[in-house]
Amino acid sequence: MAEVTAAIKKLENQSGYSWTATPKVVGSESRRLGPVEGKANKEGFVYFKSVVNDNDFEVAMKGEKLVVNYTGEWLTPAELGAVEQVDRLRQTLKVPAAEAATLAGKAEGLKQASEGSYVGELDPATAKAMFATLGRRAAAAPEASGSVKFWAKDGQLTKYEHMVRGKIKAGEDKKEVEISRTVTVEIKDAGTTTITLPDTAKKKL
């Protein structure tokens, strides 16, 4: 819908904004990425802070360049000796304006659900691709479904949520188990967010 596109564009045009992305996985007990705190600004800097497998970390990005801090020192993927691992992490860290625009473009039957909220179904190919990121067994699932919901206030995106669901085969008996992942992204401090990075991080971006 045009209202959703306009709301996302208004957020994108802000000087900066912050967000919290909270994932919830049902049906799987494997450790995953925890809530992500993020910031983005018009200069192109993006900052993330989160925890994965009980390890705190920070990531700063500008364009294709990225540095990571979970040892007390900001390092490039090459300096860290973990290029492949960081590339996989990069794929899970999303900037809301860009991700919301992609989701809106992949939503079928997007319509207004209530004042300021809009819902739609993800197209099957997109749902399957997103479900596949839940792991090797999820990637082997023949199909998946998904949905997306957007909230706007004063013509600007304030929150969105996407969900994917499918079945995997688990255990020695290959029993089918349904799992789902819902990610809720809440946006705040639009127009007032600033990003402060140490010089050591900026020099590597």
Protein backbone atom coordinates (compact mmCIF):
# COMPACT_ATOMS: atom_id res chain seq x y z
CA MET A 1 0.00 0.00 0.00
CA ALA A 2 1.09 3.54 -0.71
CA GLU A 3 0.66 4.49 2.97
CA VAL A 4 3.19 1.87 4.06
CA THR A 5 5.71 2.88 1.40
CA ALA A 6 5.37 6.55 2.39
CA ALA A 7 5.75 5.72 6.10
CA ILE A 8 8.96 3.79 5.43
CA LYS A 9 10.33 6.58 3.24
CA LYS A 10 9.65 9.16 5.94
CA LEU A 11 11.68 7.10 8.43
CA GLU A 12 14.49 6.66 5.91
CA ASN A 13 14.71 10.44 5.45
CA GLN A 14 15.27 11.12 9.15
CA SER A 15 18.74 12.25 10.26
CA GLY A 16 18.91 9.16 12.44
CA TYR A 17 16.82 6.66 14.38
CA SER A 18 17.17 3.80 16.86
CA TRP A 19 15.43 0.46 17.17
CA THR A 20 15.14 -2.81 19.05
CA ALA A 21 14.63 -6.03 17.08
CA THR A 22 13.36 -8.88 19.26
CA PRO A 23 13.29 -12.41 17.82
CA LYS A 24 11.12 -15.20 19.22
CA VAL A 25 11.56 -18.78 18.03
CA VAL A 26 8.95 -21.41 18.93
CA GLY A 27 9.56 -25.15 18.53
CA SER A 28 13.37 -25.04 18.65
CA GLU A 29 15.62 -24.80 21.67
CA SER A 30 18.88 -24.04 19.93
CA ARG A 31 20.59 -20.83 20.98
CA ARG A 32 20.08 -17.91 18.68
CA LEU A 33 20.67 -14.22 18.33
CA GLY A 34 19.18 -12.24 21.20
CA PRO A 35 17.44 -8.86 20.98
CA VAL A 36 19.38 -6.41 18.80
CA GLU A 37 19.75 -2.73 19.70
CA GLY A 38 20.53 -0.64 16.63
CA LYS A 39 21.13 2.88 15.38
CA ALA A 40 21.42 4.34 11.87
CA ASN A 41 22.11 7.83 10.51
CA LYS A 42 22.07 9.70 7.21
CA GLU A 43 25.88 9.64 7.04
CA GLY A 44 25.63 5.91 6.41
CA PHE A 45 26.87 4.67 9.77
CA VAL A 46 25.01 1.77 11.39
CA TYR A 47 25.59 0.41 14.89
CA PHE A 48 24.35 -2.85 16.40
CA LYS A 49 24.66 -4.31 19.87
CA SER A 50 23.44 -7.79 20.81
CA VAL A 51 24.31 -11.18 22.28
CA VAL A 52 24.70 -14.55 20.59
CA ASN A 53 25.25 -17.76 22.53
CA ASP A 54 25.76 -15.69 25.72
CA ASN A 55 28.51 -13.58 24.10
CA ASP A 56 27.98 -9.80 23.93
CA PHE A 57 29.16 -8.07 20.78
CA GLU A 58 29.03 -4.75 18.91
CA VAL A 59 29.08 -4.22 15.16
CA ALA A 60 29.62 -0.96 13.26
CA MET A 61 29.08 -0.68 9.52
CA LYS A 62 29.38 1.85 6.74
CA GLY A 63 28.58 0.63 3.25
CA GLU A 64 30.22 -2.75 2.74
CA LYS A 65 32.78 -2.20 5.50
CA LEU A 66 32.24 -3.72 8.92
CA VAL A 67 34.08 -3.92 12.25
CA VAL A 68 33.27 -6.08 15.27
CA ASN A 69 33.97 -5.67 18.97
CA TYR A 70 33.51 -8.50 21.41
CA THR A 71 37.05 -8.71 22.75
CA GLY A 72 37.37 -5.07 23.80
CA GLU A 73 38.98 -4.12 20.49
CA TRP A 74 37.33 -3.12 17.19
CA LEU A 75 38.52 -5.54 14.51
CA THR A 76 37.76 -6.20 10.85
CA PRO A 77 36.55 -9.73 9.94
CA ALA A 78 40.03 -10.48 8.52
CA GLU A 79 41.78 -9.28 11.69
CA LEU A 80 39.35 -11.37 13.71
CA GLY A 81 40.05 -14.43 11.58
CA ALA A 82 36.34 -15.05 11.18
CA VAL A 83 35.34 -13.78 7.74
CA GLU A 84 32.75 -16.48 7.05
CA GLN A 85 31.20 -16.26 10.53
CA VAL A 86 30.92 -12.48 10.33
CA ASP A 87 29.40 -12.70 6.83
CA ARG A 88 26.69 -14.98 8.23
CA LEU A 89 26.14 -12.54 11.09
CA ARG A 90 25.94 -9.65 8.63
CA GLN A 91 23.01 -11.37 6.92
CA THR A 92 21.00 -11.38 10.17
CA LEU A 93 21.61 -7.71 11.03
CA LYS A 94 19.02 -5.61 9.25
CA VAL A 95 18.51 -1.85 9.01
CA PRO A 96 14.76 -1.22 9.48
CA ALA A 97 14.09 1.20 6.62
CA ALA A 98 15.72 -1.15 4.10
CA GLU A 99 14.25 -4.34 5.55
CA ALA A 100 10.75 -2.89 5.88
CA ALA A 101 10.84 -1.72 2.26
CA THR A 102 11.85 -5.21 1.10
CA LEU A 103 9.14 -6.87 3.20
CA ALA A 104 6.48 -4.47 1.93
CA GLY A 105 7.50 -5.31 -1.63
CA LYS A 106 7.17 -9.03 -0.91
CA ALA A 107 3.81 -8.79 0.89
CA GLU A 108 0.69 -10.06 -0.86
CA GLY A 109 -2.71 -8.58 -0.10
CA LEU A 110 -1.31 -5.84 2.09
CA LYS A 111 -4.25 -4.02 3.67
CA GLN A 112 -5.15 -1.80 6.57
CA ALA A 113 -6.04 -3.84 9.66
CA SER A 114 -6.81 -1.01 12.09
CA GLU A 115 -5.95 2.63 12.55
CA GLY A 116 -2.23 2.91 11.78
CA SER A 117 -1.58 -0.80 11.13
CA TYR A 118 -1.31 -2.83 7.92
CA VAL A 119 -1.02 -6.60 7.40
CA GLY A 120 -0.16 -8.91 4.53
CA GLU A 121 1.09 -12.40 3.69
CA LEU A 122 4.64 -13.01 2.51
CA ASP A 123 4.90 -14.59 -0.91
CA PRO A 124 5.82 -18.32 -0.68
CA ALA A 125 9.34 -17.93 -2.09
CA THR A 126 10.22 -15.16 0.37
CA ALA A 127 8.75 -17.08 3.31
CA LYS A 128 10.74 -20.19 2.37
CA ALA A 129 13.98 -18.21 2.00
CA MET A 130 13.49 -16.55 5.39
CA PHE A 131 12.57 -19.86 7.03
CA ALA A 132 15.74 -21.44 5.63
CA THR A 133 17.86 -19.08 7.77
CA LEU A 134 16.68 -20.99 10.85
CA GLY A 135 19.18 -23.75 10.12
CA ARG A 136 20.13 -26.71 7.96
CA ARG A 137 16.94 -28.68 8.64
CA ALA A 138 14.79 -25.61 8.00
CA ALA A 139 16.60 -25.05 4.72
CA ALA A 140 15.53 -28.56 3.66
CA ALA A 141 11.85 -27.86 4.34
CA PRO A 142 9.79 -28.07 1.13
CA GLU A 143 7.65 -25.04 1.97
CA ALA A 144 6.95 -22.34 4.53
CA SER A 145 4.49 -19.53 5.11
CA GLY A 146 4.82 -16.09 6.60
CA SER A 147 3.18 -12.77 7.33
CA VAL A 148 4.16 -9.17 7.97
CA LYS A 149 2.59 -6.29 9.85
CA PHE A 150 3.47 -2.59 9.87
CA TRP A 151 2.50 0.20 12.28
CA ALA A 152 2.71 3.92 11.48
CA LYS A 153 2.06 7.11 13.43
CA ASP A 154 1.91 10.59 11.93
CA GLY A 155 2.74 9.05 8.56
CA GLN A 156 5.99 7.43 9.76
CA LEU A 157 6.89 3.80 10.41
CA THR A 158 7.11 3.11 14.16
CA LYS A 159 7.06 -0.70 14.30
CA TYR A 160 6.92 -3.78 12.12
CA GLU A 161 6.80 -7.51 12.65
CA HIS A 162 7.48 -10.48 10.40
CA MET A 163 6.77 -14.15 11.04
CA VAL A 164 7.70 -17.34 9.20
CA ARG A 165 6.49 -20.85 9.95
CA GLY A 166 7.27 -24.30 8.58
CA LYS A 167 7.94 -27.93 9.46
CA ILE A 168 11.27 -29.67 9.91
CA LYS A 169 12.18 -33.31 10.45
CA ALA A 170 13.89 -33.85 13.80
CA GLY A 171 15.28 -36.78 15.76
CA GLU A 172 16.22 -40.28 14.71
CA ASP A 173 12.63 -41.03 13.76
CA LYS A 174 12.52 -37.93 11.53
CA LYS A 175 9.37 -36.71 13.24
CA GLU A 176 7.85 -33.55 11.79
CA VAL A 177 8.07 -30.58 14.12
CA GLU A 178 6.57 -27.17 13.42
CA ILE A 179 8.77 -24.21 14.23
CA SER A 180 8.24 -20.50 13.78
CA ARG A 181 10.19 -17.30 14.19
CA THR A 182 8.69 -13.89 14.84
CA VAL A 183 10.83 -10.75 14.82
CA THR A 184 9.37 -7.54 16.23
CA VAL A 185 11.16 -4.30 15.41
CA GLU A 186 10.28 -1.20 17.47
CA ILE A 187 11.60 2.14 16.23
CA LYS A 188 12.32 5.15 18.45
CA ASP A 189 14.15 8.48 18.66
CA ALA A 190 13.66 9.28 14.98
CA GLY A 191 15.36 12.59 14.21
CA THR A 192 17.28 12.72 17.51
CA THR A 193 19.48 9.60 17.39
CA THR A 194 23.25 10.08 17.12
CA ILE A 195 26.00 7.49 16.73
CA THR A 196 29.27 7.88 18.61
CA LEU A 197 32.06 5.49 17.64
CA PRO A 198 35.67 5.42 18.86
CA ASP A 199 38.31 6.63 16.42
CA THR A 200 39.76 3.12 16.18
CA ALA A 201 36.46 1.88 14.75
CA LYS A 202 35.93 4.86 12.40
CA LYS A 203 39.40 4.51 10.87
CA LYS A 204 38.57 0.97 9.77
CA LEU A 205 35.25 1.87 8.16
